[in-house]
């Protein structure tokens, strides 16, 4: 059974930093990433990383956020620096497992990040 367990959310002041972690189990995941959903908005991609280390970032976080992963631990991280109030959202871990050419997406339950003074 696939499980994604997120940690690291919380309250931080503008300009501060947080590090999110997502430990995945139950499969081998080709692409892992983080999405976020702010109140009243659609879920959006924040960053993703392939098993080979190819990364992709939303324009709004480039230069401030860094995604990384430890394949041996099946864990993905999101280092968030220079946080802004508009980064406030529930952050969801995503992991895609590819089986026979079919992508199976899995989601964590989400962790709340609040950027406020």
N, C-alpha and C. Protein backbone atom coordinates (compact mmCIF):
# COMPACT_ATOMS: atom_id res chain seq x y z
N UNK A 1 0.84 -1.18 0.00
CA UNK A 1 0.00 0.00 0.00
C UNK A 1 0.89 1.25 0.00
N UNK A 2 0.55 2.16 -0.90
CA UNK A 2 1.34 3.38 -1.02
C UNK A 2 0.97 4.37 0.07
N UNK A 3 1.98 4.95 0.68
CA UNK A 3 1.75 5.99 1.69
C UNK A 3 2.73 7.14 1.46
N UNK A 4 2.22 8.36 1.58
CA UNK A 4 3.04 9.56 1.53
C UNK A 4 2.82 10.31 2.83
N UNK A 5 3.88 10.54 3.57
CA UNK A 5 3.76 11.21 4.86
C UNK A 5 4.57 12.50 4.82
N UNK A 6 3.85 13.61 4.94
CA UNK A 6 4.48 14.93 4.87
C UNK A 6 4.77 15.46 6.26
N UNK A 7 5.78 16.31 6.34
CA UNK A 7 6.09 16.99 7.59
C UNK A 7 6.82 18.30 7.28
N UNK A 8 6.83 19.19 8.27
CA UNK A 8 7.62 20.41 8.15
C UNK A 8 6.84 21.70 7.96
N UNK A 9 5.54 21.63 7.83
CA UNK A 9 4.77 22.85 7.68
C UNK A 9 4.69 23.62 8.99
N UNK A 10 4.13 24.83 8.93
CA UNK A 10 3.99 25.63 10.13
C UNK A 10 3.85 27.10 9.83
N UNK A 11 4.00 27.90 10.86
CA UNK A 11 3.89 29.36 10.75
C UNK A 11 5.29 29.96 10.70
N UNK A 12 5.50 30.85 9.74
CA UNK A 12 6.80 31.51 9.60
C UNK A 12 6.58 32.96 9.20
N UNK A 13 7.47 33.82 9.60
CA UNK A 13 7.37 35.23 9.24
C UNK A 13 7.85 35.45 7.81
N UNK A 14 7.37 36.49 7.17
CA UNK A 14 7.88 36.80 5.82
C UNK A 14 9.39 36.93 5.82
N UNK A 15 10.01 36.35 4.79
CA UNK A 15 11.46 36.34 4.70
C UNK A 15 12.09 35.13 5.35
N UNK A 16 11.31 34.36 6.07
CA UNK A 16 11.82 33.19 6.76
C UNK A 16 11.92 31.96 5.86
N UNK A 17 12.28 30.84 6.48
CA UNK A 17 12.50 29.59 5.75
C UNK A 17 11.78 28.44 6.42
N UNK A 18 11.42 27.47 5.61
CA UNK A 18 10.87 26.21 6.09
C UNK A 18 11.37 25.10 5.18
N UNK A 19 11.41 23.90 5.73
CA UNK A 19 11.78 22.73 4.92
C UNK A 19 10.69 21.68 5.06
N UNK A 20 10.11 21.31 3.94
CA UNK A 20 9.10 20.26 3.93
C UNK A 20 9.75 18.94 3.55
N UNK A 21 9.24 17.87 4.13
CA UNK A 21 9.70 16.52 3.80
C UNK A 21 8.50 15.65 3.48
N UNK A 22 8.72 14.70 2.60
CA UNK A 22 7.67 13.74 2.25
C UNK A 22 8.32 12.37 2.10
N UNK A 23 7.97 11.47 3.00
CA UNK A 23 8.48 10.11 2.94
C UNK A 23 7.45 9.21 2.27
N UNK A 24 7.86 8.58 1.19
CA UNK A 24 6.95 7.72 0.43
C UNK A 24 7.32 6.26 0.61
N UNK A 25 6.32 5.40 0.56
CA UNK A 25 6.56 3.97 0.68
C UNK A 25 5.55 3.20 -0.13
N UNK A 26 5.89 1.98 -0.47
CA UNK A 26 4.95 1.11 -1.15
C UNK A 26 5.14 0.97 -2.64
N UNK A 27 6.06 1.71 -3.22
CA UNK A 27 6.30 1.61 -4.66
C UNK A 27 7.62 2.31 -4.99
N UNK A 28 7.98 2.23 -6.26
CA UNK A 28 9.11 3.02 -6.77
C UNK A 28 8.52 4.19 -7.55
N UNK A 29 8.96 5.38 -7.22
CA UNK A 29 8.34 6.58 -7.78
C UNK A 29 9.28 7.27 -8.76
N UNK A 30 8.78 7.47 -9.95
CA UNK A 30 9.61 8.08 -10.97
C UNK A 30 9.71 9.59 -10.79
N UNK A 31 8.59 10.23 -10.60
CA UNK A 31 8.57 11.68 -10.44
C UNK A 31 7.91 11.99 -9.11
N UNK A 32 8.52 12.87 -8.34
CA UNK A 32 7.96 13.31 -7.06
C UNK A 32 7.92 14.84 -7.07
N UNK A 33 6.98 15.38 -6.35
CA UNK A 33 6.89 16.82 -6.35
C UNK A 33 6.00 17.37 -5.27
N UNK A 34 5.87 18.68 -5.30
CA UNK A 34 5.03 19.40 -4.35
C UNK A 34 4.07 20.29 -5.11
N UNK A 35 2.82 20.24 -4.68
CA UNK A 35 1.79 21.14 -5.17
C UNK A 35 1.29 21.95 -3.98
N UNK A 36 0.60 23.03 -4.26
CA UNK A 36 0.00 23.81 -3.17
C UNK A 36 -1.36 24.34 -3.60
N UNK A 37 -2.19 24.56 -2.60
CA UNK A 37 -3.52 25.11 -2.85
C UNK A 37 -3.82 26.15 -1.80
N UNK A 38 -3.96 27.38 -2.25
CA UNK A 38 -4.33 28.48 -1.36
C UNK A 38 -5.85 28.59 -1.30
N UNK A 39 -6.38 29.20 -0.27
CA UNK A 39 -7.86 29.34 -0.15
C UNK A 39 -8.45 30.02 -1.38
N UNK A 40 -9.46 29.39 -1.96
CA UNK A 40 -10.14 29.98 -3.10
C UNK A 40 -9.41 29.83 -4.42
N UNK A 41 -8.29 29.11 -4.42
CA UNK A 41 -7.52 28.94 -5.64
C UNK A 41 -7.38 27.47 -6.00
N UNK A 42 -7.00 27.23 -7.25
CA UNK A 42 -6.79 25.85 -7.67
C UNK A 42 -5.42 25.35 -7.21
N UNK A 43 -5.32 24.03 -7.13
CA UNK A 43 -4.03 23.43 -6.79
C UNK A 43 -3.06 23.69 -7.93
N UNK A 44 -1.83 24.05 -7.56
CA UNK A 44 -0.83 24.35 -8.58
C UNK A 44 0.48 23.65 -8.27
N UNK A 45 1.23 23.35 -9.32
CA UNK A 45 2.54 22.74 -9.16
C UNK A 45 3.51 23.77 -8.58
N UNK A 46 4.26 23.35 -7.57
CA UNK A 46 5.31 24.19 -7.01
C UNK A 46 6.65 23.76 -7.59
N UNK A 47 6.95 22.48 -7.48
CA UNK A 47 8.22 21.96 -7.99
C UNK A 47 8.11 20.45 -8.11
N UNK A 48 8.89 19.90 -9.04
CA UNK A 48 8.93 18.46 -9.19
C UNK A 48 10.36 18.03 -9.51
N UNK A 49 10.62 16.75 -9.30
CA UNK A 49 11.96 16.21 -9.55
C UNK A 49 11.81 14.75 -9.98
N UNK A 50 12.54 14.38 -11.03
CA UNK A 50 12.51 13.01 -11.49
C UNK A 50 13.50 12.17 -10.69
N UNK A 51 13.42 10.88 -10.90
CA UNK A 51 14.35 9.98 -10.21
C UNK A 51 15.80 10.30 -10.59
N UNK A 52 15.98 10.79 -11.80
CA UNK A 52 17.31 11.15 -12.27
C UNK A 52 17.76 12.53 -11.87
N UNK A 53 16.89 13.28 -11.18
CA UNK A 53 17.31 14.58 -10.66
C UNK A 53 16.93 15.78 -11.51
N UNK A 54 16.12 15.58 -12.55
CA UNK A 54 15.68 16.71 -13.36
C UNK A 54 14.57 17.45 -12.63
N UNK A 55 14.74 18.75 -12.46
CA UNK A 55 13.81 19.54 -11.67
C UNK A 55 12.99 20.49 -12.54
N UNK A 56 11.86 20.86 -11.99
CA UNK A 56 10.97 21.82 -12.64
C UNK A 56 10.34 22.67 -11.55
N UNK A 57 10.29 24.00 -11.77
CA UNK A 57 9.76 24.91 -10.76
C UNK A 57 8.71 25.84 -11.35
N UNK A 58 7.76 26.21 -10.53
CA UNK A 58 6.85 27.28 -10.90
C UNK A 58 7.64 28.59 -10.94
N UNK A 59 7.28 29.46 -11.85
CA UNK A 59 8.00 30.73 -11.96
C UNK A 59 7.98 31.51 -10.66
N UNK A 60 6.90 31.39 -9.91
CA UNK A 60 6.74 32.18 -8.69
C UNK A 60 7.69 31.77 -7.57
N UNK A 61 8.32 30.60 -7.69
CA UNK A 61 9.21 30.13 -6.61
C UNK A 61 10.65 29.98 -7.06
N UNK A 62 10.91 30.18 -8.34
CA UNK A 62 12.28 30.03 -8.84
C UNK A 62 13.22 30.97 -8.10
N UNK A 63 14.37 30.43 -7.69
CA UNK A 63 15.35 31.22 -6.97
C UNK A 63 15.12 31.27 -5.47
N UNK A 64 13.94 30.82 -5.02
CA UNK A 64 13.64 30.83 -3.58
C UNK A 64 13.46 29.42 -3.01
N UNK A 65 12.89 28.53 -3.80
CA UNK A 65 12.63 27.16 -3.35
C UNK A 65 13.59 26.20 -4.06
N UNK A 66 13.95 25.14 -3.34
CA UNK A 66 14.80 24.10 -3.92
C UNK A 66 14.21 22.74 -3.59
N UNK A 67 13.99 21.94 -4.61
CA UNK A 67 13.49 20.58 -4.41
C UNK A 67 14.65 19.61 -4.53
N UNK A 68 14.61 18.57 -3.70
CA UNK A 68 15.64 17.53 -3.76
C UNK A 68 15.01 16.22 -3.33
N UNK A 69 15.70 15.13 -3.60
CA UNK A 69 15.17 13.84 -3.19
C UNK A 69 16.30 12.89 -2.84
N UNK A 70 15.96 11.94 -1.99
CA UNK A 70 16.86 10.87 -1.61
C UNK A 70 16.20 9.59 -2.09
N UNK A 71 16.69 9.05 -3.19
CA UNK A 71 16.05 7.86 -3.78
C UNK A 71 16.13 6.65 -2.85
N UNK A 72 17.20 6.54 -2.11
CA UNK A 72 17.35 5.40 -1.20
C UNK A 72 16.29 5.42 -0.11
N UNK A 73 15.89 6.63 0.27
CA UNK A 73 14.88 6.77 1.33
C UNK A 73 13.49 7.05 0.76
N UNK A 74 13.39 7.15 -0.57
CA UNK A 74 12.09 7.48 -1.19
C UNK A 74 11.50 8.74 -0.58
N UNK A 75 12.33 9.72 -0.37
CA UNK A 75 11.93 10.95 0.30
C UNK A 75 12.24 12.16 -0.57
N UNK A 76 11.29 13.08 -0.61
CA UNK A 76 11.48 14.33 -1.35
C UNK A 76 11.40 15.49 -0.37
N UNK A 77 12.21 16.49 -0.63
CA UNK A 77 12.29 17.65 0.25
C UNK A 77 11.98 18.92 -0.55
N UNK A 78 11.49 19.93 0.17
CA UNK A 78 11.30 21.24 -0.44
C UNK A 78 11.84 22.27 0.54
N UNK A 79 12.98 22.85 0.20
CA UNK A 79 13.55 23.92 0.99
C UNK A 79 12.98 25.24 0.50
N UNK A 80 12.30 25.95 1.39
CA UNK A 80 11.64 27.19 1.02
C UNK A 80 12.30 28.35 1.75
N UNK A 81 12.89 29.24 1.00
CA UNK A 81 13.55 30.43 1.55
C UNK A 81 12.84 31.69 1.09
N UNK A 82 13.12 32.78 1.76
CA UNK A 82 12.54 34.08 1.40
C UNK A 82 11.03 33.98 1.22
N UNK A 83 10.39 33.36 2.17
CA UNK A 83 8.95 33.11 2.07
C UNK A 83 8.16 34.42 2.07
N UNK A 84 7.08 34.40 1.30
CA UNK A 84 6.20 35.56 1.16
C UNK A 84 4.80 35.19 1.63
N UNK A 85 4.01 36.16 2.03
CA UNK A 85 2.62 35.85 2.43
C UNK A 85 1.86 35.09 1.34
N UNK A 86 2.15 35.36 0.10
CA UNK A 86 1.44 34.66 -0.98
C UNK A 86 1.85 33.20 -1.14
N UNK A 87 2.85 32.78 -0.38
CA UNK A 87 3.21 31.36 -0.36
C UNK A 87 2.32 30.57 0.61
N UNK A 88 1.49 31.27 1.35
CA UNK A 88 0.59 30.60 2.29
C UNK A 88 -0.36 29.68 1.54
N UNK A 89 -0.37 28.42 1.95
CA UNK A 89 -1.20 27.41 1.27
C UNK A 89 -1.04 26.08 1.99
N UNK A 90 -1.88 25.15 1.61
CA UNK A 90 -1.66 23.75 1.99
C UNK A 90 -0.77 23.14 0.92
N UNK A 91 0.32 22.56 1.33
CA UNK A 91 1.29 21.96 0.42
C UNK A 91 1.08 20.44 0.41
N UNK A 92 0.94 19.91 -0.79
CA UNK A 92 0.68 18.49 -0.97
C UNK A 92 1.87 17.82 -1.66
N UNK A 93 2.26 16.69 -1.12
CA UNK A 93 3.29 15.87 -1.76
C UNK A 93 2.62 15.01 -2.83
N UNK A 94 3.29 14.90 -3.97
CA UNK A 94 2.81 14.05 -5.06
C UNK A 94 3.92 13.11 -5.47
N UNK A 95 3.54 11.87 -5.76
CA UNK A 95 4.52 10.90 -6.26
C UNK A 95 3.85 10.07 -7.35
N UNK A 96 4.53 9.96 -8.48
CA UNK A 96 3.99 9.22 -9.62
C UNK A 96 4.74 7.89 -9.78
N UNK A 97 3.98 6.83 -9.87
CA UNK A 97 4.54 5.52 -10.13
C UNK A 97 4.15 5.09 -11.54
N UNK A 98 5.10 4.71 -12.36
CA UNK A 98 4.82 4.31 -13.73
C UNK A 98 4.87 2.80 -13.82
N UNK A 99 3.77 2.19 -14.24
CA UNK A 99 3.69 0.75 -14.37
C UNK A 99 3.11 0.43 -15.74
N UNK A 100 3.90 -0.30 -16.56
CA UNK A 100 3.47 -0.70 -17.90
C UNK A 100 2.96 0.50 -18.70
N UNK A 101 3.67 1.62 -18.59
CA UNK A 101 3.32 2.80 -19.36
C UNK A 101 2.18 3.62 -18.80
N UNK A 102 1.64 3.22 -17.69
CA UNK A 102 0.53 3.94 -17.07
C UNK A 102 1.05 4.66 -15.83
N UNK A 103 0.65 5.93 -15.70
CA UNK A 103 1.08 6.72 -14.54
C UNK A 103 0.03 6.63 -13.44
N UNK A 104 0.48 6.24 -12.27
CA UNK A 104 -0.40 6.18 -11.10
C UNK A 104 0.04 7.29 -10.14
N UNK A 105 -0.77 8.34 -9.99
CA UNK A 105 -0.40 9.44 -9.09
C UNK A 105 -0.89 9.17 -7.67
N UNK A 106 -0.06 9.52 -6.72
CA UNK A 106 -0.42 9.39 -5.32
C UNK A 106 -0.22 10.74 -4.63
N UNK A 107 -1.03 10.97 -3.59
CA UNK A 107 -1.02 12.26 -2.91
C UNK A 107 -0.93 12.09 -1.40
N UNK A 108 -0.20 13.02 -0.78
CA UNK A 108 -0.22 13.09 0.67
C UNK A 108 -1.45 13.86 1.14
N UNK A 109 -1.61 13.94 2.45
CA UNK A 109 -2.79 14.60 3.01
C UNK A 109 -2.64 16.12 3.07
N UNK A 110 -1.41 16.59 2.93
CA UNK A 110 -1.16 18.03 2.92
C UNK A 110 -0.64 18.54 4.24
N UNK A 111 0.17 19.58 4.15
CA UNK A 111 0.70 20.24 5.34
C UNK A 111 0.56 21.75 5.14
N UNK A 112 0.06 22.43 6.15
CA UNK A 112 -0.23 23.85 6.04
C UNK A 112 1.02 24.69 6.28
N UNK A 113 1.26 25.61 5.36
CA UNK A 113 2.33 26.60 5.49
C UNK A 113 1.67 27.98 5.56
N UNK A 114 1.93 28.69 6.63
CA UNK A 114 1.37 30.02 6.81
C UNK A 114 2.52 31.02 6.95
N UNK A 115 2.53 32.01 6.07
CA UNK A 115 3.56 33.04 6.11
C UNK A 115 2.89 34.34 6.54
N UNK A 116 3.19 34.75 7.76
CA UNK A 116 2.51 35.92 8.30
C UNK A 116 3.34 36.52 9.42
N UNK A 117 3.23 37.83 9.56
CA UNK A 117 3.90 38.50 10.67
C UNK A 117 2.95 38.66 11.86
